[in-house]
Amino acid sequence: METAGHQLCLIHILRELVYLGELNKEQHWSASMMNLLYDSIEQRKTKTAGEIDIGNIKKRFNLLIKQDLSSLSKKFETLRKSLEKHSQHMFKFLEFDDVPYDNNASERNCRVLKVKQKVSGMFKSENGANTFCQVYSIVDTARKNKQDPFLALIAVAQNITNYPKRAE
């Protein structure tokens, strides 16, 4: 079975391209790359993975990546080199229907941990932090699978108590 692998967050790349466009309004590279990324996102929203002409999108991307940006700010060349280095991770979302083009879901999941840490100022122990993460993971997984989080916690607790005791 083939796995999707890693997908770069296009929203973060678009944010960087907007910054570069504001940094130098006379260049057109950042706008062209933004148009390509917006086009690929739009195609993903309106078509299934098998219907998208991924070859054309990758061809357009490669043409942009090969452009000489040395006359522009070093930030342009840095982004171009980074995109070139990670080009195999740019369009996985077009090949696999279950791969998102952003990492918003991941960031939302991390936010709960950071809010907990900010409100209490810290976790009092590493064990407490680990326990919080485990409980949150169970609750979040249950919600994503349209299950009752409370019943999921009960099921986990019952399985833990049914494990044979370790010989000490």
N, C-alpha and C. Protein backbone atom coordinates (compact mmCIF):
# COMPACT_ATOMS: atom_id res chain seq x y z
N MET A 1 0.85 -1.18 0.00
CA MET A 1 0.00 0.00 0.00
C MET A 1 0.89 1.25 0.00
N GLU A 2 0.63 2.14 -0.91
CA GLU A 2 1.40 3.37 -1.00
C GLU A 2 0.88 4.38 0.04
N THR A 3 1.82 5.05 0.71
CA THR A 3 1.41 6.07 1.67
C THR A 3 1.63 7.46 1.08
N ALA A 4 0.92 8.41 1.62
CA ALA A 4 0.98 9.77 1.08
C ALA A 4 2.30 10.46 1.38
N GLY A 5 2.90 10.14 2.49
CA GLY A 5 4.15 10.81 2.84
C GLY A 5 3.89 12.19 3.40
N HIS A 6 4.80 13.09 3.16
CA HIS A 6 4.78 14.42 3.75
C HIS A 6 4.24 15.45 2.76
N GLN A 7 3.44 16.38 3.26
CA GLN A 7 2.91 17.48 2.45
C GLN A 7 3.30 18.79 3.11
N LEU A 8 3.91 19.69 2.35
CA LEU A 8 4.21 21.01 2.87
C LEU A 8 2.90 21.79 3.03
N CYS A 9 2.86 22.68 4.00
CA CYS A 9 1.68 23.51 4.22
C CYS A 9 1.69 24.66 3.22
N LEU A 10 0.78 24.61 2.27
CA LEU A 10 0.74 25.65 1.24
C LEU A 10 0.31 27.00 1.81
N ILE A 11 -0.43 27.00 2.88
CA ILE A 11 -0.86 28.27 3.49
C ILE A 11 0.36 29.03 4.01
N HIS A 12 1.29 28.33 4.62
CA HIS A 12 2.51 28.98 5.10
C HIS A 12 3.36 29.49 3.93
N ILE A 13 3.42 28.71 2.88
CA ILE A 13 4.18 29.14 1.70
C ILE A 13 3.52 30.37 1.07
N LEU A 14 2.20 30.35 0.97
CA LEU A 14 1.48 31.51 0.41
C LEU A 14 1.72 32.76 1.25
N ARG A 15 1.76 32.60 2.56
CA ARG A 15 2.02 33.74 3.44
C ARG A 15 3.41 34.33 3.16
N GLU A 16 4.37 33.46 2.95
CA GLU A 16 5.73 33.91 2.63
C GLU A 16 5.76 34.60 1.27
N LEU A 17 5.01 34.08 0.31
CA LEU A 17 4.96 34.69 -1.02
C LEU A 17 4.30 36.07 -0.99
N VAL A 18 3.28 36.23 -0.16
CA VAL A 18 2.66 37.55 0.00
C VAL A 18 3.69 38.53 0.55
N TYR A 19 4.45 38.10 1.55
CA TYR A 19 5.49 38.95 2.12
C TYR A 19 6.51 39.35 1.05
N LEU A 20 6.95 38.38 0.25
CA LEU A 20 7.93 38.69 -0.80
C LEU A 20 7.35 39.63 -1.84
N GLY A 21 6.07 39.48 -2.14
CA GLY A 21 5.42 40.38 -3.09
C GLY A 21 5.38 41.82 -2.59
N GLU A 22 5.21 41.95 -1.28
CA GLU A 22 5.21 43.30 -0.69
C GLU A 22 6.63 43.83 -0.57
N LEU A 23 7.59 42.95 -0.41
CA LEU A 23 9.00 43.34 -0.30
C LEU A 23 9.51 43.95 -1.60
N ASN A 24 9.06 43.37 -2.72
CA ASN A 24 9.49 43.87 -4.04
C ASN A 24 8.28 43.79 -4.98
N LYS A 25 7.64 44.91 -5.17
CA LYS A 25 6.41 44.95 -5.98
C LYS A 25 6.68 44.89 -7.48
N GLU A 26 7.93 45.04 -7.89
CA GLU A 26 8.26 45.05 -9.33
C GLU A 26 8.49 43.65 -9.89
N GLN A 27 8.78 42.69 -9.05
CA GLN A 27 9.01 41.33 -9.53
C GLN A 27 7.67 40.61 -9.69
N HIS A 28 7.65 39.55 -10.49
CA HIS A 28 6.41 38.82 -10.75
C HIS A 28 6.49 37.36 -10.31
N TRP A 29 7.65 36.93 -9.83
CA TRP A 29 7.84 35.53 -9.47
C TRP A 29 6.91 35.10 -8.34
N SER A 30 6.83 35.90 -7.29
CA SER A 30 5.99 35.51 -6.15
C SER A 30 4.51 35.43 -6.55
N ALA A 31 4.06 36.37 -7.37
CA ALA A 31 2.66 36.34 -7.81
C ALA A 31 2.39 35.12 -8.70
N SER A 32 3.34 34.77 -9.55
CA SER A 32 3.18 33.59 -10.41
C SER A 32 3.12 32.32 -9.58
N MET A 33 3.97 32.23 -8.56
CA MET A 33 3.96 31.05 -7.69
C MET A 33 2.66 31.00 -6.89
N MET A 34 2.20 32.15 -6.42
CA MET A 34 0.93 32.19 -5.70
C MET A 34 -0.22 31.74 -6.59
N ASN A 35 -0.24 32.20 -7.84
CA ASN A 35 -1.30 31.79 -8.77
C ASN A 35 -1.28 30.28 -8.98
N LEU A 36 -0.10 29.72 -9.10
CA LEU A 36 0.02 28.27 -9.27
C LEU A 36 -0.54 27.53 -8.05
N LEU A 37 -0.16 27.98 -6.86
CA LEU A 37 -0.63 27.31 -5.64
C LEU A 37 -2.13 27.47 -5.46
N TYR A 38 -2.65 28.68 -5.71
CA TYR A 38 -4.11 28.88 -5.63
C TYR A 38 -4.84 28.02 -6.65
N ASP A 39 -4.27 27.90 -7.85
CA ASP A 39 -4.88 27.08 -8.89
C ASP A 39 -4.91 25.61 -8.47
N SER A 40 -3.82 25.14 -7.89
CA SER A 40 -3.78 23.73 -7.47
C SER A 40 -4.77 23.48 -6.33
N ILE A 41 -4.90 24.43 -5.42
CA ILE A 41 -5.87 24.28 -4.33
C ILE A 41 -7.29 24.27 -4.88
N GLU A 42 -7.57 25.17 -5.82
CA GLU A 42 -8.90 25.23 -6.43
C GLU A 42 -9.24 23.93 -7.16
N GLN A 43 -8.27 23.39 -7.88
CA GLN A 43 -8.50 22.12 -8.57
C GLN A 43 -8.79 21.01 -7.58
N ARG A 44 -8.08 21.01 -6.47
CA ARG A 44 -8.30 19.99 -5.44
C ARG A 44 -9.71 20.09 -4.86
N LYS A 45 -10.19 21.31 -4.71
CA LYS A 45 -11.52 21.52 -4.14
C LYS A 45 -12.63 21.11 -5.09
N THR A 46 -12.36 21.15 -6.40
CA THR A 46 -13.42 20.90 -7.38
C THR A 46 -13.30 19.56 -8.10
N LYS A 47 -12.16 18.87 -7.94
CA LYS A 47 -11.95 17.61 -8.66
C LYS A 47 -11.40 16.55 -7.71
N THR A 48 -11.52 15.30 -8.12
CA THR A 48 -10.88 14.23 -7.36
C THR A 48 -9.43 14.10 -7.82
N ALA A 49 -8.65 13.38 -7.04
CA ALA A 49 -7.22 13.26 -7.34
C ALA A 49 -6.97 12.73 -8.76
N GLY A 50 -7.78 11.80 -9.22
CA GLY A 50 -7.60 11.22 -10.55
C GLY A 50 -7.94 12.16 -11.70
N GLU A 51 -8.71 13.20 -11.44
CA GLU A 51 -9.13 14.12 -12.49
C GLU A 51 -8.18 15.30 -12.69
N ILE A 52 -7.25 15.50 -11.78
CA ILE A 52 -6.38 16.67 -11.82
C ILE A 52 -5.16 16.38 -12.70
N ASP A 53 -4.82 17.33 -13.54
CA ASP A 53 -3.63 17.21 -14.39
C ASP A 53 -2.40 17.61 -13.57
N ILE A 54 -1.94 16.67 -12.76
CA ILE A 54 -0.82 16.93 -11.86
C ILE A 54 0.45 17.23 -12.65
N GLY A 55 0.61 16.58 -13.78
CA GLY A 55 1.79 16.80 -14.61
C GLY A 55 1.93 18.25 -15.04
N ASN A 56 0.82 18.87 -15.43
CA ASN A 56 0.84 20.28 -15.83
C ASN A 56 1.20 21.19 -14.66
N ILE A 57 0.64 20.91 -13.50
CA ILE A 57 0.94 21.73 -12.31
C ILE A 57 2.41 21.61 -11.95
N LYS A 58 2.93 20.38 -11.97
CA LYS A 58 4.35 20.19 -11.64
C LYS A 58 5.26 20.83 -12.69
N LYS A 59 4.84 20.81 -13.95
CA LYS A 59 5.62 21.45 -15.02
C LYS A 59 5.69 22.96 -14.78
N ARG A 60 4.54 23.56 -14.46
CA ARG A 60 4.52 25.00 -14.16
C ARG A 60 5.39 25.32 -12.95
N PHE A 61 5.31 24.47 -11.94
CA PHE A 61 6.12 24.65 -10.73
C PHE A 61 7.61 24.59 -11.06
N ASN A 62 8.01 23.59 -11.84
CA ASN A 62 9.42 23.43 -12.20
C ASN A 62 9.94 24.62 -13.00
N LEU A 63 9.11 25.17 -13.88
CA LEU A 63 9.52 26.36 -14.63
C LEU A 63 9.78 27.55 -13.70
N LEU A 64 8.93 27.70 -12.70
CA LEU A 64 9.12 28.79 -11.74
C LEU A 64 10.35 28.54 -10.86
N ILE A 65 10.55 27.30 -10.47
CA ILE A 65 11.68 26.96 -9.60
C ILE A 65 13.02 27.16 -10.31
N LYS A 66 13.03 27.00 -11.61
CA LYS A 66 14.28 27.12 -12.38
C LYS A 66 14.64 28.57 -12.69
N GLN A 67 13.75 29.50 -12.39
CA GLN A 67 14.03 30.91 -12.70
C GLN A 67 15.19 31.43 -11.84
N ASP A 68 15.97 32.30 -12.43
CA ASP A 68 17.09 32.93 -11.74
C ASP A 68 16.57 34.13 -10.95
N LEU A 69 16.66 34.04 -9.63
CA LEU A 69 16.17 35.11 -8.76
C LEU A 69 17.32 35.85 -8.08
N SER A 70 18.51 35.68 -8.59
CA SER A 70 19.69 36.27 -7.94
C SER A 70 19.67 37.80 -7.95
N SER A 71 18.92 38.40 -8.85
CA SER A 71 18.85 39.87 -8.89
C SER A 71 17.91 40.42 -7.81
N LEU A 72 17.14 39.53 -7.19
CA LEU A 72 16.20 39.95 -6.14
C LEU A 72 16.82 39.77 -4.77
N SER A 73 16.10 40.12 -3.76
CA SER A 73 16.55 39.95 -2.38
C SER A 73 16.91 38.49 -2.11
N LYS A 74 17.82 38.29 -1.19
CA LYS A 74 18.26 36.94 -0.83
C LYS A 74 17.08 36.08 -0.34
N LYS A 75 16.06 36.71 0.20
CA LYS A 75 14.89 35.98 0.70
C LYS A 75 14.16 35.24 -0.42
N PHE A 76 14.16 35.80 -1.62
CA PHE A 76 13.55 35.13 -2.77
C PHE A 76 14.30 33.84 -3.09
N GLU A 77 15.61 33.96 -3.15
CA GLU A 77 16.45 32.80 -3.49
C GLU A 77 16.36 31.73 -2.40
N THR A 78 16.27 32.16 -1.16
CA THR A 78 16.15 31.21 -0.05
C THR A 78 14.87 30.40 -0.17
N LEU A 79 13.76 31.09 -0.44
CA LEU A 79 12.48 30.37 -0.60
C LEU A 79 12.53 29.48 -1.83
N ARG A 80 13.04 29.99 -2.93
CA ARG A 80 13.11 29.20 -4.17
C ARG A 80 13.91 27.92 -3.93
N LYS A 81 15.07 28.03 -3.28
CA LYS A 81 15.91 26.85 -3.01
C LYS A 81 15.20 25.86 -2.09
N SER A 82 14.50 26.39 -1.10
CA SER A 82 13.77 25.52 -0.18
C SER A 82 12.65 24.76 -0.90
N LEU A 83 11.91 25.47 -1.74
CA LEU A 83 10.84 24.82 -2.51
C LEU A 83 11.42 23.78 -3.47
N GLU A 84 12.56 24.09 -4.06
CA GLU A 84 13.20 23.14 -4.96
C GLU A 84 13.64 21.90 -4.20
N LYS A 85 14.24 22.11 -3.04
CA LYS A 85 14.73 20.99 -2.22
C LYS A 85 13.58 20.07 -1.79
N HIS A 86 12.43 20.66 -1.48
CA HIS A 86 11.29 19.89 -0.97
C HIS A 86 10.18 19.74 -2.01
N SER A 87 10.54 19.82 -3.27
CA SER A 87 9.52 19.81 -4.34
C SER A 87 8.67 18.54 -4.33
N GLN A 88 9.24 17.43 -3.89
CA GLN A 88 8.46 16.18 -3.87
C GLN A 88 7.34 16.22 -2.83
N HIS A 89 7.38 17.22 -1.93
CA HIS A 89 6.37 17.35 -0.89
C HIS A 89 5.36 18.47 -1.16
N MET A 90 5.43 19.08 -2.33
CA MET A 90 4.57 20.22 -2.63
C MET A 90 3.14 19.83 -3.01
N PHE A 91 2.98 18.75 -3.75
CA PHE A 91 1.68 18.46 -4.35
C PHE A 91 1.15 17.07 -4.01
N LYS A 92 1.53 16.53 -2.86
CA LYS A 92 0.98 15.24 -2.42
C LYS A 92 -0.53 15.31 -2.28
N PHE A 93 -1.04 16.48 -1.90
CA PHE A 93 -2.49 16.64 -1.71
C PHE A 93 -3.26 16.47 -3.01
N LEU A 94 -2.59 16.61 -4.15
CA LEU A 94 -3.25 16.39 -5.44
C LEU A 94 -3.28 14.92 -5.82
N GLU A 95 -2.37 14.15 -5.25
CA GLU A 95 -2.26 12.73 -5.58
C GLU A 95 -3.10 11.86 -4.66
N PHE A 96 -3.36 12.33 -3.44
CA PHE A 96 -4.08 11.54 -2.44
C PHE A 96 -5.24 12.37 -1.89
N ASP A 97 -6.46 11.84 -2.02
CA ASP A 97 -7.64 12.57 -1.59
C ASP A 97 -7.66 12.88 -0.09
N ASP A 98 -6.99 12.05 0.72
CA ASP A 98 -7.05 12.26 2.17
C ASP A 98 -5.91 13.11 2.72
N VAL A 99 -5.11 13.72 1.85
CA VAL A 99 -4.02 14.59 2.30
C VAL A 99 -4.44 16.05 2.12
N PRO A 100 -4.45 16.83 3.21
CA PRO A 100 -4.82 18.24 3.09
C PRO A 100 -3.65 19.08 2.57
N TYR A 101 -3.96 20.24 2.01
CA TYR A 101 -2.92 21.13 1.50
C TYR A 101 -2.39 22.07 2.58
N ASP A 102 -2.95 21.98 3.77
CA ASP A 102 -2.47 22.81 4.89
C ASP A 102 -2.32 21.93 6.13
N ASN A 103 -1.77 22.50 7.17
CA ASN A 103 -1.63 21.76 8.42
C ASN A 103 -2.48 22.37 9.52
N ASN A 104 -3.60 22.97 9.14
CA ASN A 104 -4.47 23.63 10.11
C ASN A 104 -4.99 22.66 11.17
N ALA A 105 -5.34 21.45 10.77
CA ALA A 105 -5.84 20.48 11.75
C ALA A 105 -4.77 20.16 12.78
N SER A 106 -3.54 19.99 12.34
CA SER A 106 -2.44 19.70 13.27
C SER A 106 -2.23 20.86 14.22
N GLU A 107 -2.26 22.07 13.69
CA GLU A 107 -2.05 23.25 14.53
C GLU A 107 -3.20 23.42 15.53
N ARG A 108 -4.42 23.10 15.11
CA ARG A 108 -5.55 23.17 16.05
C ARG A 108 -5.36 22.18 17.19
N ASN A 109 -4.85 20.99 16.88
CA ASN A 109 -4.62 19.98 17.92
C ASN A 109 -3.54 20.42 18.89
N CYS A 110 -2.52 21.09 18.41
CA CYS A 110 -1.44 21.57 19.29
C CYS A 110 -1.90 22.74 20.15
N ARG A 111 -2.85 23.51 19.64
CA ARG A 111 -3.29 24.71 20.34
C ARG A 111 -3.84 24.39 21.74
N VAL A 112 -4.55 23.27 21.88
CA VAL A 112 -5.12 22.90 23.17
C VAL A 112 -4.01 22.74 24.21
N LEU A 113 -2.95 22.09 23.83
CA LEU A 113 -1.82 21.88 24.74
C LEU A 113 -1.20 23.21 25.13
N LYS A 114 -1.01 24.10 24.17
CA LYS A 114 -0.39 25.39 24.45
C LYS A 114 -1.29 26.26 25.32
N VAL A 115 -2.61 26.22 25.11
CA VAL A 115 -3.53 26.98 25.94
C VAL A 115 -3.49 26.45 27.37
N LYS A 116 -3.50 25.15 27.53
CA LYS A 116 -3.43 24.54 28.87
C LYS A 116 -2.15 24.98 29.56
N GLN A 117 -1.06 24.96 28.83
CA GLN A 117 0.23 25.35 29.39
C GLN A 117 0.22 26.85 29.75
N LYS A 118 -0.39 27.66 28.93
CA LYS A 118 -0.42 29.10 29.17
C LYS A 118 -1.30 29.45 30.37
N VAL A 119 -2.46 28.81 30.46
CA VAL A 119 -3.39 29.11 31.55
C VAL A 119 -2.80 28.71 32.90
N SER A 120 -2.23 27.51 32.97
CA SER A 120 -1.68 27.05 34.25
C SER A 120 -0.23 27.49 34.43
N GLY A 121 0.39 27.96 33.36
CA GLY A 121 1.77 28.41 33.45
C GLY A 121 2.79 27.31 33.24
N MET A 122 2.35 26.08 33.46
CA MET A 122 3.28 24.95 33.31
C MET A 122 2.54 23.66 33.61
N PHE A 123 3.21 22.58 33.36
CA PHE A 123 2.78 21.30 33.89
C PHE A 123 3.68 21.05 35.10
N LYS A 124 3.12 20.57 36.17
CA LYS A 124 3.90 20.43 37.39
C LYS A 124 4.89 19.28 37.33
N SER A 125 4.64 18.34 36.41
CA SER A 125 5.58 17.23 36.27
C SER A 125 5.52 16.71 34.84
N GLU A 126 6.55 16.00 34.46
CA GLU A 126 6.56 15.38 33.13
C GLU A 126 5.46 14.33 33.04
N ASN A 127 5.23 13.62 34.13
CA ASN A 127 4.18 12.62 34.16
C ASN A 127 2.81 13.27 33.95
N GLY A 128 2.59 14.43 34.57
CA GLY A 128 1.33 15.15 34.39
C GLY A 128 1.13 15.59 32.95
N ALA A 129 2.20 16.07 32.32
CA ALA A 129 2.13 16.49 30.91
C ALA A 129 1.81 15.29 30.02
N ASN A 130 2.48 14.18 30.28
CA ASN A 130 2.23 12.97 29.48
C ASN A 130 0.80 12.48 29.65
N THR A 131 0.31 12.49 30.89
CA THR A 131 -1.06 12.06 31.15
C THR A 131 -2.07 12.96 30.43
N PHE A 132 -1.86 14.28 30.51
CA PHE A 132 -2.74 15.21 29.81
C PHE A 132 -2.76 14.90 28.32
N CYS A 133 -1.60 14.70 27.73
CA CYS A 133 -1.51 14.42 26.29
C CYS A 133 -2.21 13.12 25.92
N GLN A 134 -2.05 12.11 26.75
CA GLN A 134 -2.70 10.82 26.47
C GLN A 134 -4.22 10.93 26.55
N VAL A 135 -4.71 11.59 27.59
CA VAL A 135 -6.16 11.75 27.75
C VAL A 135 -6.71 12.60 26.60
N TYR A 136 -6.03 13.68 26.29
CA TYR A 136 -6.50 14.54 25.20
C TYR A 136 -6.51 13.77 23.87
N SER A 137 -5.49 12.96 23.64
CA SER A 137 -5.42 12.18 22.40
C SER A 137 -6.61 11.22 22.29
N ILE A 138 -6.97 10.58 23.38
CA ILE A 138 -8.11 9.65 23.38
C ILE A 138 -9.41 10.41 23.09
N VAL A 139 -9.60 11.53 23.78
CA VAL A 139 -10.81 12.34 23.60
C VAL A 139 -10.91 12.87 22.18
N ASP A 140 -9.81 13.40 21.67
CA ASP A 140 -9.81 13.98 20.32
C ASP A 140 -10.05 12.91 19.26
N THR A 141 -9.42 11.76 19.42
CA THR A 141 -9.62 10.65 18.48
C THR A 141 -11.07 10.19 18.49
N ALA A 142 -11.66 10.10 19.68
CA ALA A 142 -13.07 9.69 19.78
C ALA A 142 -13.97 10.70 19.05
N ARG A 143 -13.72 11.98 19.27
CA ARG A 143 -14.52 13.01 18.60
C ARG A 143 -14.40 12.91 17.08
N LYS A 144 -13.18 12.72 16.60
CA LYS A 144 -12.97 12.64 15.15
C LYS A 144 -13.66 11.42 14.55
N ASN A 145 -13.82 10.38 15.35
CA ASN A 145 -14.50 9.17 14.88
C ASN A 145 -15.97 9.14 15.27
N LYS A 146 -16.49 10.33 15.67
CA LYS A 146 -17.91 10.49 16.02
C LYS A 146 -18.33 9.52 17.13
N GLN A 147 -17.45 9.37 18.12
CA GLN A 147 -17.73 8.53 19.28
C GLN A 147 -17.81 9.41 20.52
N ASP A 148 -18.45 8.91 21.54
CA ASP A 148 -18.56 9.63 22.80
C ASP A 148 -17.20 9.59 23.51
N PRO A 149 -16.58 10.74 23.75
CA PRO A 149 -15.27 10.76 24.40
C PRO A 149 -15.27 10.12 25.78
N PHE A 150 -16.34 10.33 26.54
CA PHE A 150 -16.42 9.76 27.88
C PHE A 150 -16.41 8.23 27.81
N LEU A 151 -17.19 7.67 26.86
CA LEU A 151 -17.23 6.22 26.72
C LEU A 151 -15.87 5.69 26.24
N ALA A 152 -15.18 6.45 25.43
CA ALA A 152 -13.84 6.04 24.98
C ALA A 152 -12.88 6.00 26.15
N LEU A 153 -12.94 6.98 27.03
CA LEU A 153 -12.08 6.97 28.22
C LEU A 153 -12.40 5.79 29.13
N ILE A 154 -13.68 5.48 29.28
CA ILE A 154 -14.08 4.32 30.09
C ILE A 154 -13.52 3.04 29.48
N ALA A 155 -13.64 2.91 28.14
CA ALA A 155 -13.14 1.70 27.46
C ALA A 155 -11.64 1.55 27.66
N VAL A 156 -10.91 2.64 27.56
CA VAL A 156 -9.45 2.58 27.77
C VAL A 156 -9.15 2.19 29.21
N ALA A 157 -9.86 2.80 30.17
CA ALA A 157 -9.62 2.49 31.58
C ALA A 157 -9.93 1.02 31.88
N GLN A 158 -10.99 0.49 31.28
CA GLN A 158 -11.33 -0.92 31.51
C GLN A 158 -10.27 -1.84 30.92
N ASN A 159 -9.73 -1.49 29.76
CA ASN A 159 -8.67 -2.31 29.16
C ASN A 159 -7.41 -2.27 30.00
N ILE A 160 -7.09 -1.13 30.56
CA ILE A 160 -5.89 -1.03 31.39
C ILE A 160 -6.03 -1.87 32.65
N THR A 161 -7.22 -1.86 33.27
CA THR A 161 -7.41 -2.64 34.50
C THR A 161 -7.48 -4.13 34.22
N ASN A 162 -7.74 -4.54 32.98
CA ASN A 162 -7.80 -5.96 32.64
C ASN A 162 -6.44 -6.55 32.28
N TYR A 163 -5.42 -5.70 32.16
CA TYR A 163 -4.09 -6.22 31.86
C TYR A 163 -3.55 -7.02 33.03
N PRO A 164 -2.84 -8.10 32.72
CA PRO A 164 -2.25 -8.87 33.85
C PRO A 164 -1.20 -8.02 34.56
N LYS A 165 -1.09 -8.22 35.85
CA LYS A 165 -0.12 -7.47 36.64
C LYS A 165 1.27 -7.96 36.34
N ARG A 166 2.21 -7.04 36.41
CA ARG A 166 3.63 -7.39 36.20
C ARG A 166 4.19 -8.08 37.43
N ALA A 167 5.01 -9.04 37.17
CA ALA A 167 5.72 -9.68 38.29
C ALA A 167 6.80 -8.74 38.77
N GLU A 168 6.83 -8.52 40.06
CA GLU A 168 7.82 -7.57 40.60
C GLU A 168 8.85 -8.27 41.43
